[in-house]
Amino acid sequence: MNARTLGLALITACALVAVPVVASAAPHNSPRYAPRGGYSLDNRYQHNRYYPSRGASFHAVPWGGRRVYYRGSPYFFHEGAWYRPWGRRYVVVAPPIGIGISVLPPYCTTLWFGGVRYYYADDTYYLWHPDTQQYVVTAPPPGAAQDAPPGDSGAPNSDVYAYPNRGQNADLQASDRYECHAWAVQQSGFDPTQPLGGVPAEEAASKRADYQRADGACLEGRGYTVR
């Protein structure tokens, strides 16, 4: 089966659960059988599936996770959740707009906005791009539900993009990212792996900006171009 056939098959598989306007995927890990700590229920559009909470960290990506590079930075995708390496651990993050993956999450919700079909899972919207044969993360469409799913950690939705100017390999990049993250947390008092950065809600925006400036300064000092 070639990539195009596989892509079309996945679209059909997700669309089989569709009804006009909104199609809800079958619930998985229903509230009666909620996983223990570290997971949040996404019930937007009656999606009704648990995912690892944004900001939660793990020793390893679950078996079967897919590595994806975006703007030179590694991400890992597993059943709708996205992970970033931080030192020797992996932190659950919001995927950047524009990153693509060749498969949909095994459970997804099909949505129609303005005649365009979107796929939804874990507070993330995808569009199928036939030119690249990928499902690409996109901004919420006009008219999308704006309420945040329960358990949203408040972690930043955008990453600092760092291009390695000195040919740093993936292991060194991950080490540099983690060490700069730790230094930025120390300098700013804001930790993006914690709910609301571990600060009062009214301080989160300014502290997040302080953290991003410190993180960027550290990475630039180690030979990265930061955007």
N, C-alpha and C. Protein backbone atom coordinates (compact mmCIF):
# COMPACT_ATOMS: atom_id res chain seq x y z
N MET A 1 0.86 -1.19 0.00
CA MET A 1 0.00 0.00 0.00
C MET A 1 0.89 1.23 0.00
N ASN A 2 0.74 2.12 -1.00
CA ASN A 2 1.59 3.29 -1.05
C ASN A 2 1.09 4.37 -0.10
N ALA A 3 1.88 5.45 0.05
CA ALA A 3 1.55 6.49 1.04
C ALA A 3 0.22 7.14 0.75
N ARG A 4 -0.07 7.38 -0.55
CA ARG A 4 -1.34 8.04 -0.88
C ARG A 4 -2.52 7.16 -0.52
N THR A 5 -2.41 5.85 -0.83
CA THR A 5 -3.50 4.94 -0.50
C THR A 5 -3.69 4.86 1.01
N LEU A 6 -2.56 4.80 1.75
CA LEU A 6 -2.64 4.75 3.19
C LEU A 6 -3.31 6.00 3.74
N GLY A 7 -2.93 7.17 3.21
CA GLY A 7 -3.54 8.41 3.67
C GLY A 7 -5.04 8.42 3.46
N LEU A 8 -5.48 7.98 2.28
CA LEU A 8 -6.90 7.95 1.99
C LEU A 8 -7.62 6.95 2.87
N ALA A 9 -6.96 5.82 3.14
CA ALA A 9 -7.58 4.83 4.01
C ALA A 9 -7.78 5.37 5.41
N LEU A 10 -6.81 6.14 5.90
CA LEU A 10 -6.92 6.70 7.23
C LEU A 10 -8.02 7.74 7.30
N ILE A 11 -8.17 8.53 6.24
CA ILE A 11 -9.26 9.50 6.20
C ILE A 11 -10.59 8.78 6.29
N THR A 12 -10.74 7.72 5.51
CA THR A 12 -11.99 6.97 5.51
C THR A 12 -12.25 6.37 6.88
N ALA A 13 -11.21 5.81 7.52
CA ALA A 13 -11.38 5.18 8.81
C ALA A 13 -11.88 6.18 9.84
N CYS A 14 -11.35 7.38 9.81
CA CYS A 14 -11.78 8.40 10.76
C CYS A 14 -13.18 8.89 10.42
N ALA A 15 -13.49 8.98 9.12
CA ALA A 15 -14.76 9.54 8.69
C ALA A 15 -15.92 8.58 8.90
N LEU A 16 -15.65 7.29 9.10
CA LEU A 16 -16.73 6.33 9.27
C LEU A 16 -17.60 6.65 10.47
N VAL A 17 -17.02 7.35 11.47
CA VAL A 17 -17.79 7.67 12.65
C VAL A 17 -18.54 8.99 12.49
N ALA A 18 -18.46 9.61 11.32
CA ALA A 18 -18.96 10.96 11.15
C ALA A 18 -20.47 11.02 11.05
N VAL A 19 -21.01 12.12 11.57
CA VAL A 19 -22.38 12.52 11.33
C VAL A 19 -22.29 13.95 10.82
N PRO A 20 -23.35 14.51 10.25
CA PRO A 20 -23.23 15.87 9.71
C PRO A 20 -22.70 16.86 10.73
N VAL A 21 -21.81 17.72 10.29
CA VAL A 21 -21.18 18.82 11.01
C VAL A 21 -20.13 18.32 12.01
N VAL A 22 -20.48 17.48 12.96
CA VAL A 22 -19.51 17.02 13.95
C VAL A 22 -19.59 15.51 14.04
N ALA A 23 -18.45 14.85 14.02
CA ALA A 23 -18.41 13.41 14.18
C ALA A 23 -17.54 13.07 15.35
N SER A 24 -18.07 12.36 16.33
CA SER A 24 -17.32 12.06 17.53
C SER A 24 -16.72 10.67 17.45
N ALA A 25 -15.45 10.58 17.80
CA ALA A 25 -14.81 9.28 17.86
C ALA A 25 -15.35 8.52 19.06
N ALA A 26 -15.29 7.20 18.98
CA ALA A 26 -15.71 6.38 20.10
C ALA A 26 -14.86 6.71 21.31
N PRO A 27 -15.48 6.81 22.51
CA PRO A 27 -14.69 7.15 23.69
C PRO A 27 -13.70 6.06 24.03
N HIS A 28 -12.55 6.46 24.52
CA HIS A 28 -11.51 5.52 24.93
C HIS A 28 -11.03 5.95 26.30
N ASN A 29 -10.88 4.97 27.21
CA ASN A 29 -10.57 5.32 28.60
C ASN A 29 -11.65 6.26 29.14
N SER A 30 -12.85 5.79 29.23
CA SER A 30 -13.98 6.61 29.65
C SER A 30 -13.76 7.09 31.08
N PRO A 31 -14.49 8.14 31.51
CA PRO A 31 -14.29 8.70 32.85
C PRO A 31 -14.39 7.66 33.96
N ARG A 32 -15.18 6.61 33.76
CA ARG A 32 -15.30 5.58 34.79
C ARG A 32 -14.00 4.80 34.95
N TYR A 33 -13.18 4.80 33.91
CA TYR A 33 -11.93 4.04 33.93
C TYR A 33 -10.75 4.98 33.66
N ALA A 34 -10.76 6.12 34.31
CA ALA A 34 -9.72 7.13 34.08
C ALA A 34 -8.37 6.60 34.51
N PRO A 35 -7.32 6.90 33.72
CA PRO A 35 -5.97 6.51 34.14
C PRO A 35 -5.59 7.23 35.41
N ARG A 36 -4.64 6.67 36.14
CA ARG A 36 -4.13 7.34 37.33
C ARG A 36 -3.30 8.54 36.91
N GLY A 37 -3.08 9.50 37.79
CA GLY A 37 -2.40 10.77 37.63
C GLY A 37 -1.63 10.99 36.34
N GLY A 38 -1.51 12.24 35.96
CA GLY A 38 -0.71 12.59 34.80
C GLY A 38 -1.48 12.60 33.50
N TYR A 39 -2.80 12.37 33.56
CA TYR A 39 -3.62 12.35 32.35
C TYR A 39 -4.79 13.31 32.52
N SER A 40 -5.25 13.88 31.39
CA SER A 40 -6.37 14.81 31.40
C SER A 40 -7.40 14.37 30.37
N LEU A 41 -8.67 14.57 30.71
CA LEU A 41 -9.76 14.20 29.81
C LEU A 41 -10.03 15.35 28.84
N ASP A 42 -9.97 15.05 27.56
CA ASP A 42 -10.35 16.02 26.52
C ASP A 42 -11.78 15.68 26.10
N ASN A 43 -12.73 16.49 26.57
CA ASN A 43 -14.13 16.22 26.22
C ASN A 43 -14.70 17.28 25.28
N ARG A 44 -13.83 18.10 24.68
CA ARG A 44 -14.30 19.06 23.69
C ARG A 44 -14.88 18.28 22.51
N TYR A 45 -15.99 18.75 21.97
CA TYR A 45 -16.71 18.07 20.88
C TYR A 45 -17.08 16.63 21.24
N GLN A 46 -17.24 16.35 22.54
CA GLN A 46 -17.53 15.00 23.01
C GLN A 46 -16.46 14.00 22.56
N HIS A 47 -15.23 14.48 22.50
CA HIS A 47 -14.12 13.62 22.10
C HIS A 47 -13.90 12.50 23.12
N ASN A 48 -13.95 12.84 24.40
CA ASN A 48 -13.97 11.87 25.49
C ASN A 48 -12.83 10.87 25.45
N ARG A 49 -11.62 11.41 25.47
CA ARG A 49 -10.44 10.54 25.54
C ARG A 49 -9.41 11.17 26.47
N TYR A 50 -8.72 10.33 27.21
CA TYR A 50 -7.65 10.80 28.08
C TYR A 50 -6.32 10.85 27.33
N TYR A 51 -5.55 11.91 27.63
CA TYR A 51 -4.21 12.07 27.06
C TYR A 51 -3.26 12.47 28.18
N PRO A 52 -1.95 12.20 27.99
CA PRO A 52 -0.98 12.70 28.98
C PRO A 52 -1.09 14.22 29.10
N SER A 53 -1.07 14.73 30.31
CA SER A 53 -1.25 16.17 30.53
C SER A 53 -0.07 16.95 29.96
N ARG A 54 -0.36 18.09 29.35
CA ARG A 54 0.71 18.96 28.87
C ARG A 54 1.60 19.35 30.04
N GLY A 55 2.89 19.21 29.85
CA GLY A 55 3.84 19.51 30.90
C GLY A 55 4.30 18.29 31.68
N ALA A 56 3.56 17.16 31.56
CA ALA A 56 3.99 15.94 32.23
C ALA A 56 5.27 15.42 31.57
N SER A 57 6.16 14.82 32.35
CA SER A 57 7.41 14.31 31.81
C SER A 57 7.53 12.82 32.08
N PHE A 58 8.22 12.13 31.17
CA PHE A 58 8.36 10.68 31.23
C PHE A 58 9.80 10.29 30.91
N HIS A 59 10.18 9.11 31.40
CA HIS A 59 11.53 8.62 31.13
C HIS A 59 11.71 8.22 29.67
N ALA A 60 10.61 7.85 29.01
CA ALA A 60 10.71 7.40 27.62
C ALA A 60 9.40 7.70 26.91
N VAL A 61 9.47 7.80 25.59
CA VAL A 61 8.26 7.91 24.77
C VAL A 61 7.62 6.53 24.70
N PRO A 62 6.30 6.42 24.76
CA PRO A 62 5.67 5.10 24.67
C PRO A 62 6.11 4.34 23.42
N TRP A 63 6.12 3.02 23.55
CA TRP A 63 6.53 2.17 22.43
C TRP A 63 5.65 2.48 21.21
N GLY A 64 6.27 2.58 20.07
CA GLY A 64 5.54 2.90 18.84
C GLY A 64 5.51 4.37 18.51
N GLY A 65 6.12 5.21 19.35
CA GLY A 65 6.16 6.65 19.06
C GLY A 65 6.97 6.94 17.80
N ARG A 66 6.55 7.95 17.07
CA ARG A 66 7.20 8.34 15.83
C ARG A 66 8.02 9.60 16.03
N ARG A 67 9.27 9.59 15.56
CA ARG A 67 10.13 10.77 15.64
C ARG A 67 9.83 11.67 14.43
N VAL A 68 9.63 12.96 14.69
CA VAL A 68 9.38 13.94 13.63
C VAL A 68 10.28 15.15 13.89
N TYR A 69 10.98 15.61 12.86
CA TYR A 69 11.79 16.82 12.99
C TYR A 69 11.03 18.00 12.39
N TYR A 70 11.03 19.10 13.11
CA TYR A 70 10.38 20.31 12.62
C TYR A 70 11.29 21.49 12.91
N ARG A 71 11.72 22.18 11.85
CA ARG A 71 12.65 23.31 11.98
C ARG A 71 13.89 22.92 12.77
N GLY A 72 14.36 21.71 12.53
CA GLY A 72 15.58 21.24 13.14
C GLY A 72 15.44 20.68 14.54
N SER A 73 14.24 20.72 15.11
CA SER A 73 14.03 20.23 16.47
C SER A 73 13.27 18.92 16.46
N PRO A 74 13.65 17.95 17.32
CA PRO A 74 12.96 16.66 17.34
C PRO A 74 11.68 16.69 18.17
N TYR A 75 10.66 16.04 17.66
CA TYR A 75 9.42 15.80 18.38
C TYR A 75 9.10 14.32 18.27
N PHE A 76 8.25 13.84 19.18
CA PHE A 76 7.78 12.46 19.11
C PHE A 76 6.26 12.47 19.21
N PHE A 77 5.64 11.63 18.39
CA PHE A 77 4.18 11.56 18.30
C PHE A 77 3.74 10.16 18.69
N HIS A 78 2.77 10.07 19.60
CA HIS A 78 2.23 8.77 19.99
C HIS A 78 0.76 8.90 20.33
N GLU A 79 -0.09 8.31 19.48
CA GLU A 79 -1.54 8.25 19.71
C GLU A 79 -2.14 9.61 20.04
N GLY A 80 -1.71 10.64 19.32
CA GLY A 80 -2.30 11.96 19.48
C GLY A 80 -1.54 12.89 20.40
N ALA A 81 -0.66 12.36 21.24
CA ALA A 81 0.15 13.19 22.15
C ALA A 81 1.50 13.47 21.52
N TRP A 82 2.04 14.66 21.80
CA TRP A 82 3.33 15.09 21.26
C TRP A 82 4.31 15.28 22.41
N TYR A 83 5.55 14.87 22.20
CA TYR A 83 6.59 14.92 23.23
C TYR A 83 7.82 15.65 22.68
N ARG A 84 8.56 16.30 23.59
CA ARG A 84 9.86 16.90 23.27
C ARG A 84 10.90 16.38 24.24
N PRO A 85 12.11 16.07 23.78
CA PRO A 85 13.18 15.66 24.71
C PRO A 85 13.66 16.83 25.55
N TRP A 86 13.80 16.60 26.85
CA TRP A 86 14.37 17.57 27.78
C TRP A 86 15.40 16.82 28.61
N GLY A 87 16.67 16.93 28.25
CA GLY A 87 17.69 16.15 28.93
C GLY A 87 17.44 14.68 28.71
N ARG A 88 17.29 13.95 29.80
CA ARG A 88 17.05 12.50 29.73
C ARG A 88 15.57 12.15 29.84
N ARG A 89 14.71 13.14 29.82
CA ARG A 89 13.27 12.90 29.92
C ARG A 89 12.56 13.45 28.69
N TYR A 90 11.26 13.16 28.61
CA TYR A 90 10.44 13.61 27.49
C TYR A 90 9.20 14.29 28.06
N VAL A 91 8.97 15.52 27.62
CA VAL A 91 7.88 16.35 28.15
C VAL A 91 6.76 16.45 27.13
N VAL A 92 5.52 16.31 27.59
CA VAL A 92 4.36 16.44 26.72
C VAL A 92 4.15 17.92 26.40
N VAL A 93 4.03 18.25 25.12
CA VAL A 93 3.93 19.64 24.69
C VAL A 93 2.79 19.82 23.70
N ALA A 94 2.43 21.08 23.47
CA ALA A 94 1.53 21.42 22.37
C ALA A 94 2.35 21.42 21.08
N PRO A 95 1.92 20.73 20.03
CA PRO A 95 2.72 20.70 18.80
C PRO A 95 2.71 22.06 18.12
N PRO A 96 3.80 22.43 17.46
CA PRO A 96 3.82 23.72 16.76
C PRO A 96 2.95 23.69 15.51
N ILE A 97 2.32 24.80 15.20
CA ILE A 97 1.55 24.92 13.97
C ILE A 97 2.48 24.67 12.78
N GLY A 98 2.08 23.76 11.89
CA GLY A 98 2.87 23.48 10.70
C GLY A 98 3.56 22.14 10.72
N ILE A 99 3.70 21.51 11.89
CA ILE A 99 4.32 20.19 11.93
C ILE A 99 3.35 19.17 11.33
N GLY A 100 3.88 18.18 10.64
CA GLY A 100 3.04 17.20 9.97
C GLY A 100 3.37 15.78 10.39
N ILE A 101 2.39 14.90 10.25
CA ILE A 101 2.55 13.49 10.59
C ILE A 101 1.78 12.69 9.55
N SER A 102 2.27 11.50 9.21
CA SER A 102 1.66 10.72 8.12
C SER A 102 0.45 9.92 8.56
N VAL A 103 0.19 9.85 9.87
CA VAL A 103 -0.94 9.07 10.37
C VAL A 103 -1.75 9.92 11.33
N LEU A 104 -3.04 9.65 11.41
CA LEU A 104 -3.89 10.29 12.40
C LEU A 104 -3.82 9.53 13.72
N PRO A 105 -4.19 10.18 14.83
CA PRO A 105 -4.33 9.42 16.08
C PRO A 105 -5.35 8.30 15.88
N PRO A 106 -5.20 7.18 16.61
CA PRO A 106 -6.15 6.07 16.43
C PRO A 106 -7.58 6.44 16.77
N TYR A 107 -7.75 7.43 17.64
CA TYR A 107 -9.08 7.96 17.94
C TYR A 107 -9.07 9.44 17.58
N CYS A 108 -9.96 9.87 16.75
CA CYS A 108 -10.02 11.28 16.38
C CYS A 108 -11.47 11.67 16.19
N THR A 109 -11.70 12.95 16.17
CA THR A 109 -13.03 13.50 15.92
C THR A 109 -12.98 14.29 14.62
N THR A 110 -13.90 13.98 13.71
CA THR A 110 -13.96 14.67 12.43
C THR A 110 -14.92 15.86 12.55
N LEU A 111 -14.45 17.03 12.14
CA LEU A 111 -15.21 18.27 12.26
C LEU A 111 -15.29 18.95 10.90
N TRP A 112 -16.38 19.65 10.66
CA TRP A 112 -16.53 20.43 9.43
C TRP A 112 -16.72 21.89 9.79
N PHE A 113 -15.88 22.75 9.22
CA PHE A 113 -16.00 24.20 9.39
C PHE A 113 -15.91 24.84 8.01
N GLY A 114 -16.98 25.54 7.62
CA GLY A 114 -16.99 26.20 6.32
C GLY A 114 -16.75 25.24 5.16
N GLY A 115 -17.24 24.02 5.28
CA GLY A 115 -17.07 23.04 4.22
C GLY A 115 -15.71 22.37 4.19
N VAL A 116 -14.85 22.68 5.17
CA VAL A 116 -13.51 22.09 5.23
C VAL A 116 -13.48 21.05 6.35
N ARG A 117 -12.89 19.89 6.05
CA ARG A 117 -12.84 18.81 7.04
C ARG A 117 -11.57 18.91 7.87
N TYR A 118 -11.75 18.96 9.19
CA TYR A 118 -10.64 18.97 10.14
C TYR A 118 -10.70 17.68 10.96
N TYR A 119 -9.54 17.35 11.51
CA TYR A 119 -9.44 16.22 12.42
C TYR A 119 -8.94 16.74 13.76
N TYR A 120 -9.54 16.25 14.83
CA TYR A 120 -9.27 16.82 16.16
C TYR A 120 -8.89 15.72 17.14
N ALA A 121 -7.87 15.98 17.95
CA ALA A 121 -7.49 15.11 19.07
C ALA A 121 -6.56 15.86 19.98
N ASP A 122 -6.74 15.72 21.28
CA ASP A 122 -5.87 16.31 22.29
C ASP A 122 -5.64 17.81 22.06
N ASP A 123 -6.73 18.56 21.93
CA ASP A 123 -6.67 20.01 21.77
C ASP A 123 -5.85 20.42 20.55
N THR A 124 -5.83 19.59 19.52
CA THR A 124 -5.04 19.85 18.32
C THR A 124 -5.89 19.59 17.08
N TYR A 125 -5.80 20.50 16.10
CA TYR A 125 -6.54 20.38 14.85
C TYR A 125 -5.56 20.02 13.72
N TYR A 126 -6.00 19.12 12.85
CA TYR A 126 -5.17 18.69 11.72
C TYR A 126 -5.93 18.89 10.41
N LEU A 127 -5.19 19.21 9.36
CA LEU A 127 -5.70 19.24 7.99
C LEU A 127 -4.87 18.29 7.13
N TRP A 128 -5.53 17.56 6.23
CA TRP A 128 -4.82 16.67 5.32
C TRP A 128 -4.25 17.49 4.17
N HIS A 129 -2.93 17.37 3.95
CA HIS A 129 -2.25 18.07 2.86
C HIS A 129 -1.82 17.03 1.82
N PRO A 130 -2.54 16.91 0.71
CA PRO A 130 -2.19 15.88 -0.27
C PRO A 130 -0.83 16.08 -0.92
N ASP A 131 -0.34 17.34 -0.96
CA ASP A 131 0.97 17.58 -1.59
C ASP A 131 2.10 16.95 -0.80
N THR A 132 1.98 16.92 0.52
CA THR A 132 3.02 16.32 1.36
C THR A 132 2.62 14.97 1.92
N GLN A 133 1.35 14.56 1.65
CA GLN A 133 0.84 13.30 2.19
C GLN A 133 0.94 13.26 3.72
N GLN A 134 0.55 14.37 4.34
CA GLN A 134 0.63 14.47 5.80
C GLN A 134 -0.61 15.15 6.36
N TYR A 135 -0.87 14.84 7.62
CA TYR A 135 -1.85 15.58 8.41
C TYR A 135 -1.06 16.67 9.15
N VAL A 136 -1.38 17.92 8.87
CA VAL A 136 -0.57 19.03 9.36
C VAL A 136 -1.33 19.76 10.47
N VAL A 137 -0.64 20.02 11.58
CA VAL A 137 -1.23 20.76 12.69
C VAL A 137 -1.55 22.18 12.24
N THR A 138 -2.77 22.62 12.50
CA THR A 138 -3.21 23.93 12.05
C THR A 138 -3.85 24.70 13.19
N ALA A 139 -3.98 25.99 13.03
CA ALA A 139 -4.64 26.81 14.04
C ALA A 139 -6.12 26.44 14.12
N PRO A 140 -6.74 26.62 15.28
CA PRO A 140 -8.18 26.33 15.37
C PRO A 140 -8.95 27.11 14.32
N PRO A 141 -9.86 26.47 13.62
CA PRO A 141 -10.62 27.17 12.57
C PRO A 141 -11.59 28.17 13.16
N PRO A 142 -11.99 29.18 12.38
CA PRO A 142 -13.01 30.13 12.84
C PRO A 142 -14.27 29.38 13.26
N GLY A 143 -14.77 29.70 14.43
CA GLY A 143 -15.96 29.03 14.93
C GLY A 143 -15.66 27.85 15.82
N ALA A 144 -14.37 27.51 16.00
CA ALA A 144 -14.01 26.38 16.86
C ALA A 144 -14.31 26.72 18.31
N ALA A 145 -14.60 25.70 19.09
CA ALA A 145 -14.84 25.89 20.52
C ALA A 145 -13.60 26.47 21.15
N GLN A 146 -13.77 27.50 21.96
CA GLN A 146 -12.62 28.21 22.53
C GLN A 146 -12.30 27.79 23.96
N ASP A 147 -13.19 27.06 24.60
CA ASP A 147 -12.91 26.67 25.97
C ASP A 147 -11.80 25.63 26.01
N ALA A 148 -10.87 25.80 26.95
CA ALA A 148 -9.74 24.87 27.04
C ALA A 148 -10.20 23.56 27.67
N PRO A 149 -9.74 22.43 27.17
CA PRO A 149 -10.09 21.15 27.79
C PRO A 149 -9.61 21.11 29.23
N PRO A 150 -10.33 20.40 30.12
CA PRO A 150 -9.88 20.32 31.51
C PRO A 150 -8.47 19.78 31.60
N GLY A 151 -7.72 20.31 32.55
CA GLY A 151 -6.39 19.80 32.79
C GLY A 151 -5.32 20.44 31.95
N ASP A 152 -5.65 21.44 31.15
CA ASP A 152 -4.62 22.12 30.37
C ASP A 152 -3.59 22.70 31.31
N SER A 153 -2.33 22.41 31.05
CA SER A 153 -1.28 22.80 31.98
C SER A 153 -0.92 24.26 31.92
N GLY A 154 -1.30 24.96 30.86
CA GLY A 154 -0.89 26.33 30.71
C GLY A 154 0.51 26.46 30.18
N ALA A 155 1.12 25.36 29.74
CA ALA A 155 2.47 25.43 29.18
C ALA A 155 2.44 26.22 27.89
N PRO A 156 3.54 26.82 27.51
CA PRO A 156 3.57 27.64 26.30
C PRO A 156 3.13 26.86 25.09
N ASN A 157 2.40 27.49 24.18
CA ASN A 157 1.96 26.85 22.95
C ASN A 157 2.97 26.99 21.83
N SER A 158 3.99 27.78 22.03
CA SER A 158 5.00 27.96 21.00
C SER A 158 6.38 27.72 21.58
N ASP A 159 7.24 27.13 20.80
CA ASP A 159 8.59 26.82 21.25
C ASP A 159 9.56 27.88 20.76
N VAL A 160 10.72 27.92 21.42
CA VAL A 160 11.84 28.68 20.90
C VAL A 160 12.53 27.80 19.87
N TYR A 161 12.64 28.29 18.63
CA TYR A 161 13.27 27.51 17.58
C TYR A 161 14.75 27.88 17.53
N ALA A 162 15.59 26.86 17.60
CA ALA A 162 17.03 27.08 17.68
C ALA A 162 17.73 26.29 16.58
N TYR A 163 18.41 27.01 15.68
CA TYR A 163 19.15 26.36 14.60
C TYR A 163 20.60 26.18 15.03
N PRO A 164 21.15 24.95 14.95
CA PRO A 164 22.52 24.70 15.40
C PRO A 164 23.55 25.20 14.39
N ASN A 165 24.22 26.29 14.70
CA ASN A 165 25.19 26.88 13.77
C ASN A 165 26.54 26.16 13.77
N ARG A 166 26.79 25.34 14.78
CA ARG A 166 28.09 24.68 14.89
C ARG A 166 28.01 23.19 14.61
N GLY A 167 26.96 22.76 13.93
CA GLY A 167 26.82 21.35 13.59
C GLY A 167 26.55 20.45 14.78
N GLN A 168 25.91 20.99 15.83
CA GLN A 168 25.62 20.19 17.02
C GLN A 168 24.70 19.02 16.64
N ASN A 169 25.05 17.81 17.10
CA ASN A 169 24.23 16.66 16.78
C ASN A 169 22.98 16.64 17.67
N ALA A 170 22.09 15.67 17.42
CA ALA A 170 20.81 15.63 18.13
C ALA A 170 20.99 15.48 19.64
N ASP A 171 21.96 14.65 20.07
CA ASP A 171 22.18 14.46 21.50
C ASP A 171 22.65 15.75 22.17
N LEU A 172 23.57 16.45 21.52
CA LEU A 172 24.07 17.71 22.09
C LEU A 172 22.97 18.76 22.10
N GLN A 173 22.15 18.79 21.04
CA GLN A 173 21.05 19.75 21.00
C GLN A 173 20.09 19.51 22.18
N ALA A 174 19.76 18.23 22.42
CA ALA A 174 18.85 17.91 23.52
C ALA A 174 19.46 18.32 24.86
N SER A 175 20.77 18.07 25.02
CA SER A 175 21.44 18.45 26.27
C SER A 175 21.45 19.97 26.44
N ASP A 176 21.78 20.69 25.36
CA ASP A 176 21.79 22.15 25.42
C ASP A 176 20.40 22.70 25.73
N ARG A 177 19.39 22.13 25.08
CA ARG A 177 18.03 22.61 25.32
C ARG A 177 17.65 22.42 26.79
N TYR A 178 17.99 21.27 27.34
CA TYR A 178 17.62 21.01 28.72
C TYR A 178 18.36 21.93 29.68
N GLU A 179 19.67 22.08 29.48
CA GLU A 179 20.45 22.91 30.38
C GLU A 179 20.04 24.37 30.30
N CYS A 180 19.72 24.84 29.08
CA CYS A 180 19.24 26.23 28.94
C CYS A 180 17.86 26.38 29.56
N HIS A 181 17.03 25.36 29.41
CA HIS A 181 15.72 25.38 30.07
C HIS A 181 15.88 25.51 31.58
N ALA A 182 16.76 24.69 32.17
CA ALA A 182 16.96 24.72 33.62
C ALA A 182 17.47 26.09 34.06
N TRP A 183 18.38 26.66 33.29
CA TRP A 183 18.92 27.98 33.64
C TRP A 183 17.84 29.05 33.52
N ALA A 184 17.02 28.96 32.47
CA ALA A 184 15.95 29.95 32.28
C ALA A 184 14.92 29.87 33.41
N VAL A 185 14.63 28.65 33.86
CA VAL A 185 13.71 28.49 35.00
C VAL A 185 14.28 29.17 36.24
N GLN A 186 15.57 28.95 36.48
CA GLN A 186 16.22 29.57 37.64
C GLN A 186 16.20 31.08 37.56
N GLN A 187 16.41 31.62 36.34
CA GLN A 187 16.46 33.07 36.18
C GLN A 187 15.08 33.73 36.25
N SER A 188 14.08 33.04 35.71
CA SER A 188 12.76 33.67 35.57
C SER A 188 11.76 33.27 36.64
N GLY A 189 11.98 32.11 37.26
CA GLY A 189 10.99 31.60 38.20
C GLY A 189 9.81 30.95 37.51
N PHE A 190 9.87 30.80 36.18
CA PHE A 190 8.78 30.22 35.41
C PHE A 190 9.24 28.88 34.84
N ASP A 191 8.45 27.81 35.07
CA ASP A 191 8.78 26.48 34.56
C ASP A 191 7.67 26.02 33.62
N PRO A 192 7.92 25.99 32.31
CA PRO A 192 6.86 25.65 31.36
C PRO A 192 6.38 24.21 31.45
N THR A 193 7.07 23.36 32.20
CA THR A 193 6.60 21.99 32.37
C THR A 193 5.61 21.86 33.53
N GLN A 194 5.32 22.98 34.23
CA GLN A 194 4.38 22.98 35.34
C GLN A 194 3.11 23.74 34.96
N PRO A 195 1.97 23.37 35.57
CA PRO A 195 0.73 24.13 35.29
C PRO A 195 0.93 25.61 35.54
N LEU A 196 0.60 26.42 34.53
CA LEU A 196 0.75 27.88 34.58
C LEU A 196 2.18 28.28 34.90
N GLY A 197 3.12 27.39 34.61
CA GLY A 197 4.52 27.71 34.85
C GLY A 197 4.91 27.73 36.31
N GLY A 198 3.99 27.29 37.19
CA GLY A 198 4.28 27.29 38.62
C GLY A 198 4.20 28.65 39.26
N VAL A 199 3.53 29.60 38.61
CA VAL A 199 3.39 30.96 39.14
C VAL A 199 1.91 31.32 39.19
N PRO A 200 1.53 32.36 39.94
CA PRO A 200 0.13 32.80 39.94
C PRO A 200 -0.34 33.15 38.52
N ALA A 201 -1.62 32.92 38.26
CA ALA A 201 -2.15 33.12 36.91
C ALA A 201 -1.90 34.53 36.39
N GLU A 202 -1.97 35.53 37.27
CA GLU A 202 -1.81 36.91 36.81
C GLU A 202 -0.36 37.22 36.43
N GLU A 203 0.58 36.37 36.82
CA GLU A 203 1.99 36.59 36.48
C GLU A 203 2.46 35.70 35.34
N ALA A 204 1.61 34.77 34.89
CA ALA A 204 2.07 33.75 33.94
C ALA A 204 2.58 34.34 32.63
N ALA A 205 1.86 35.32 32.08
CA ALA A 205 2.26 35.86 30.78
C ALA A 205 3.62 36.55 30.84
N SER A 206 3.81 37.41 31.85
CA SER A 206 5.08 38.14 31.94
C SER A 206 6.23 37.21 32.29
N LYS A 207 5.97 36.25 33.18
CA LYS A 207 7.02 35.30 33.56
C LYS A 207 7.38 34.39 32.39
N ARG A 208 6.39 34.01 31.58
CA ARG A 208 6.66 33.19 30.40
C ARG A 208 7.58 33.95 29.44
N ALA A 209 7.31 35.25 29.25
CA ALA A 209 8.16 36.05 28.38
C ALA A 209 9.58 36.13 28.93
N ASP A 210 9.72 36.27 30.26
CA ASP A 210 11.06 36.29 30.88
C ASP A 210 11.77 34.97 30.63
N TYR A 211 11.04 33.88 30.79
CA TYR A 211 11.64 32.56 30.57
C TYR A 211 12.12 32.42 29.13
N GLN A 212 11.29 32.82 28.17
CA GLN A 212 11.66 32.67 26.77
C GLN A 212 12.87 33.52 26.41
N ARG A 213 12.97 34.72 26.98
CA ARG A 213 14.15 35.56 26.73
C ARG A 213 15.41 34.91 27.29
N ALA A 214 15.31 34.39 28.52
CA ALA A 214 16.47 33.75 29.14
C ALA A 214 16.87 32.49 28.37
N ASP A 215 15.89 31.70 27.98
CA ASP A 215 16.18 30.48 27.22
C ASP A 215 16.86 30.82 25.90
N GLY A 216 16.34 31.82 25.20
CA GLY A 216 16.93 32.22 23.93
C GLY A 216 18.34 32.75 24.09
N ALA A 217 18.58 33.54 25.14
CA ALA A 217 19.93 34.09 25.37
C ALA A 217 20.92 32.97 25.63
N CYS A 218 20.51 31.98 26.41
CA CYS A 218 21.38 30.85 26.71
C CYS A 218 21.72 30.07 25.45
N LEU A 219 20.72 29.80 24.61
CA LEU A 219 20.95 29.04 23.39
C LEU A 219 21.84 29.81 22.41
N GLU A 220 21.62 31.11 22.30
CA GLU A 220 22.47 31.91 21.43
C GLU A 220 23.92 31.87 21.90
N GLY A 221 24.12 31.87 23.21
CA GLY A 221 25.47 31.79 23.76
C GLY A 221 26.14 30.46 23.48
N ARG A 222 25.35 29.45 23.16
CA ARG A 222 25.90 28.12 22.86
C ARG A 222 25.98 27.84 21.36
N GLY A 223 25.76 28.89 20.57
CA GLY A 223 25.98 28.72 19.14
C GLY A 223 24.76 28.37 18.33
N TYR A 224 23.57 28.84 18.76
CA TYR A 224 22.33 28.60 18.03
C TYR A 224 21.75 29.93 17.53
N THR A 225 21.12 29.90 16.39
CA THR A 225 20.30 31.02 15.95
C THR A 225 18.91 30.79 16.45
N VAL A 226 18.36 31.73 17.21
CA VAL A 226 17.10 31.54 17.90
C VAL A 226 16.02 32.41 17.27
N ARG A 227 14.84 31.83 17.07
CA ARG A 227 13.68 32.56 16.59
C ARG A 227 12.48 32.25 17.46
